N, C-alpha and C. Protein backbone atom coordinates (compact mmCIF):
# COMPACT_ATOMS: atom_id res chain seq x y z
N MET A 1 107.15 117.32 130.62
CA MET A 1 106.01 116.73 129.96
C MET A 1 106.20 116.76 128.43
N PHE A 2 106.71 117.86 127.91
CA PHE A 2 106.93 117.96 126.47
C PHE A 2 107.93 116.92 126.00
N ASN A 3 108.98 116.69 126.82
CA ASN A 3 110.00 115.69 126.45
C ASN A 3 109.40 114.29 126.36
N SER A 4 108.51 113.95 127.29
CA SER A 4 107.91 112.61 127.26
C SER A 4 106.99 112.45 126.06
N ILE A 5 106.26 113.50 125.70
CA ILE A 5 105.39 113.43 124.52
C ILE A 5 106.23 113.31 123.26
N GLN A 6 107.31 114.09 123.20
CA GLN A 6 108.19 114.03 122.03
C GLN A 6 108.84 112.66 121.91
N LYS A 7 109.25 112.10 123.05
CA LYS A 7 109.88 110.77 123.05
C LYS A 7 108.88 109.72 122.56
N GLU A 8 107.65 109.79 123.05
CA GLU A 8 106.62 108.84 122.64
C GLU A 8 106.31 108.98 121.14
N PHE A 9 106.24 110.20 120.67
CA PHE A 9 105.99 110.46 119.26
C PHE A 9 107.11 109.88 118.40
N ASN A 10 108.35 110.07 118.81
CA ASN A 10 109.50 109.53 118.08
C ASN A 10 109.46 108.00 118.05
N GLN A 11 109.05 107.37 119.15
CA GLN A 11 108.95 105.91 119.19
C GLN A 11 107.90 105.42 118.21
N ILE A 12 106.78 106.10 118.15
CA ILE A 12 105.71 105.71 117.22
C ILE A 12 106.18 105.86 115.78
N ILE A 13 106.86 106.95 115.48
CA ILE A 13 107.38 107.16 114.13
C ILE A 13 108.39 106.07 113.77
N ASN A 14 109.30 105.76 114.70
CA ASN A 14 110.31 104.74 114.44
C ASN A 14 109.68 103.37 114.22
N ARG A 15 108.63 103.05 114.97
CA ARG A 15 107.94 101.77 114.76
C ARG A 15 107.32 101.71 113.38
N GLY A 16 106.77 102.82 112.93
CA GLY A 16 106.15 102.85 111.61
C GLY A 16 107.16 102.72 110.48
N LEU A 17 108.38 103.19 110.72
CA LEU A 17 109.41 103.13 109.69
C LEU A 17 110.24 101.86 109.75
N ASP A 18 110.08 101.09 110.82
CA ASP A 18 110.84 99.85 110.97
C ASP A 18 110.38 98.83 109.94
N ARG A 19 111.29 98.37 109.12
CA ARG A 19 110.94 97.42 108.06
C ARG A 19 111.43 96.02 108.40
N THR A 20 111.69 95.77 109.67
CA THR A 20 112.16 94.46 110.11
C THR A 20 110.97 93.52 110.26
N LEU A 21 111.11 92.35 109.71
CA LEU A 21 110.08 91.33 109.82
C LEU A 21 110.51 90.34 110.88
N ARG A 22 109.66 90.12 111.87
CA ARG A 22 109.95 89.14 112.91
C ARG A 22 108.94 88.01 112.78
N LEU A 23 109.44 86.80 112.84
CA LEU A 23 108.60 85.63 112.66
C LEU A 23 108.86 84.66 113.80
N ALA A 24 107.81 84.21 114.44
CA ALA A 24 107.93 83.21 115.50
C ALA A 24 107.28 81.92 115.00
N VAL A 25 107.99 80.83 115.18
CA VAL A 25 107.47 79.52 114.79
C VAL A 25 107.42 78.68 116.05
N THR A 26 106.24 78.23 116.40
CA THR A 26 106.08 77.41 117.59
C THR A 26 105.44 76.08 117.21
N GLY A 27 105.63 75.11 118.05
CA GLY A 27 105.02 73.81 117.80
C GLY A 27 105.58 72.77 118.75
N LEU A 28 104.94 71.65 118.75
CA LEU A 28 105.38 70.55 119.60
C LEU A 28 106.66 69.94 119.06
N SER A 29 107.27 69.12 119.86
CA SER A 29 108.50 68.44 119.47
C SER A 29 108.25 67.60 118.22
N ARG A 30 109.17 67.65 117.27
CA ARG A 30 109.13 66.87 116.03
C ARG A 30 107.91 67.18 115.17
N SER A 31 107.45 68.44 115.21
CA SER A 31 106.28 68.80 114.40
C SER A 31 106.64 69.48 113.08
N GLY A 32 107.93 69.63 112.79
CA GLY A 32 108.35 70.17 111.50
C GLY A 32 108.74 71.64 111.51
N LYS A 33 109.04 72.20 112.68
CA LYS A 33 109.43 73.61 112.75
C LYS A 33 110.70 73.88 111.96
N THR A 34 111.71 73.06 112.14
CA THR A 34 112.98 73.25 111.44
C THR A 34 112.81 73.06 109.95
N ALA A 35 112.03 72.07 109.55
CA ALA A 35 111.78 71.85 108.12
C ALA A 35 111.07 73.05 107.51
N PHE A 36 110.11 73.60 108.23
CA PHE A 36 109.39 74.78 107.75
C PHE A 36 110.32 75.97 107.59
N ILE A 37 111.13 76.24 108.61
CA ILE A 37 112.04 77.38 108.56
C ILE A 37 113.07 77.20 107.45
N THR A 38 113.62 76.00 107.32
CA THR A 38 114.60 75.72 106.27
C THR A 38 113.99 75.94 104.89
N SER A 39 112.78 75.45 104.69
CA SER A 39 112.11 75.62 103.40
C SER A 39 111.80 77.09 103.12
N LEU A 40 111.32 77.80 104.12
CA LEU A 40 111.00 79.22 103.95
C LEU A 40 112.25 80.02 103.60
N VAL A 41 113.34 79.80 104.33
CA VAL A 41 114.58 80.52 104.06
C VAL A 41 115.09 80.19 102.66
N ASN A 42 115.02 78.93 102.27
CA ASN A 42 115.46 78.54 100.93
C ASN A 42 114.63 79.25 99.85
N GLN A 43 113.33 79.30 100.03
CA GLN A 43 112.47 79.99 99.07
C GLN A 43 112.80 81.48 99.00
N LEU A 44 113.03 82.09 100.16
CA LEU A 44 113.33 83.52 100.19
C LEU A 44 114.67 83.85 99.56
N LEU A 45 115.65 82.98 99.77
CA LEU A 45 116.97 83.22 99.21
C LEU A 45 116.99 83.04 97.69
N ASN A 46 116.11 82.20 97.17
CA ASN A 46 116.11 81.91 95.74
C ASN A 46 114.98 82.59 94.98
N ILE A 47 114.25 83.47 95.62
CA ILE A 47 113.07 84.05 94.97
C ILE A 47 113.44 84.89 93.75
N ASN A 48 114.57 85.57 93.77
CA ASN A 48 114.92 86.44 92.65
C ASN A 48 115.66 85.70 91.55
N SER A 49 116.14 84.50 91.84
CA SER A 49 116.84 83.74 90.81
C SER A 49 115.88 82.90 89.97
N MET A 50 114.63 82.83 90.40
CA MET A 50 113.63 82.06 89.66
C MET A 50 112.71 83.03 88.91
N ASP A 51 111.59 82.56 88.51
CA ASP A 51 110.66 83.40 87.74
C ASP A 51 109.71 84.19 88.63
N ASN A 52 110.05 84.38 89.89
CA ASN A 52 109.25 85.13 90.86
C ASN A 52 107.87 84.53 91.09
N SER A 53 107.68 83.26 90.76
CA SER A 53 106.38 82.64 90.99
C SER A 53 106.27 82.08 92.40
N HIS A 54 107.39 81.95 93.09
CA HIS A 54 107.36 81.44 94.45
C HIS A 54 107.09 82.59 95.42
N LEU A 55 106.20 82.38 96.34
CA LEU A 55 105.81 83.37 97.34
C LEU A 55 105.51 84.73 96.70
N PRO A 56 104.59 84.79 95.76
CA PRO A 56 104.36 86.03 95.03
C PRO A 56 103.82 87.17 95.89
N LEU A 57 103.22 86.85 97.01
CA LEU A 57 102.63 87.89 97.85
C LEU A 57 103.56 88.36 98.96
N PHE A 58 104.76 87.80 99.02
CA PHE A 58 105.68 88.15 100.10
C PHE A 58 106.47 89.38 99.68
N GLU A 59 105.98 90.54 100.04
CA GLU A 59 106.53 91.81 99.56
C GLU A 59 107.98 92.03 99.98
N ALA A 60 108.34 91.62 101.18
CA ALA A 60 109.72 91.82 101.63
C ALA A 60 110.71 91.08 100.74
N ALA A 61 110.36 89.90 100.32
CA ALA A 61 111.24 89.15 99.42
C ALA A 61 111.25 89.77 98.03
N ARG A 62 110.09 90.19 97.59
CA ARG A 62 109.99 90.79 96.26
C ARG A 62 110.79 92.08 96.17
N ASN A 63 110.84 92.85 97.26
CA ASN A 63 111.56 94.12 97.28
C ASN A 63 113.01 93.97 97.71
N GLN A 64 113.46 92.77 97.93
CA GLN A 64 114.82 92.47 98.37
C GLN A 64 115.18 93.19 99.66
N SER A 65 114.23 93.26 100.62
CA SER A 65 114.52 93.91 101.89
C SER A 65 114.83 92.92 103.00
N ILE A 66 115.17 91.71 102.65
CA ILE A 66 115.48 90.70 103.65
C ILE A 66 116.96 90.76 103.97
N ILE A 67 117.26 90.86 105.25
CA ILE A 67 118.65 90.93 105.71
C ILE A 67 119.11 89.52 106.00
N GLY A 68 120.28 89.16 105.53
CA GLY A 68 120.77 87.83 105.86
C GLY A 68 121.80 87.32 104.92
């Protein structure tokens, strides 16, 4: 019983420390999903080379924690 509680506690801690951002984009055919993703990735990749005015509230981009 103690092992299961400890395992559950460790899972909760790991979830809290996980800094991975997962994004799902859904939509009908030809609704602009690819255009949206391409634009978002472009903005995120160039956020630090500009004056930081793009996506100012996106903390992961501002802190350079995006993997890719």
